[in-house]
């Protein structure tokens, strides 16, 4: 039996999204440039209200498609991991994989929640995904950025209650045929 080594940092890697103009390059990572052979998508609602929490996911498709990981950041608001393979970096507030996760059926999905800030406006979720061959080395690994997910955060609307009861009456129809 041959031992297989996996290079994953227990602390995860953050700061690798378009928010910081950095991808999965450098530090013996997954290559110097983004690869069009890997598709990364952020899925979830486009509009939420201030302070609302909604579920989102990052899906990684193609590439070597053996194992993969992600880094997720936001312009404002809070991210929380749902998938067990994600962890939150307390210093940056970003989500990252705590170990490479396995692809299934040609894709890999990480689930998380996003809590909108207390003010209305436009916010952005950023993500990077990698697709690796699982050989424990960076050669042959691929990565790409997701298209930024733009979220419109709208204010809460108020509901005015009717204070006077409505009155109904039934009158004789005229003329009575």
Foldseek 3Di string as FASTA:
>chain_A
DDDFAADADQLFDECAWVVNPHHQDDPQGADDDADPQKAKAKDWDQEEAAQDKTKIKIKIFGFLQAWKKKKKDKPDFAKAFDDPQWDADVVRRIIIGSGTGGGDPGMDMTMIMTTHHRDWDKMKMWMKMKHDNRRNGNPRIHIHIYDIRIHGHHYDDDDDDDPDDDDDDDDDDPPDD
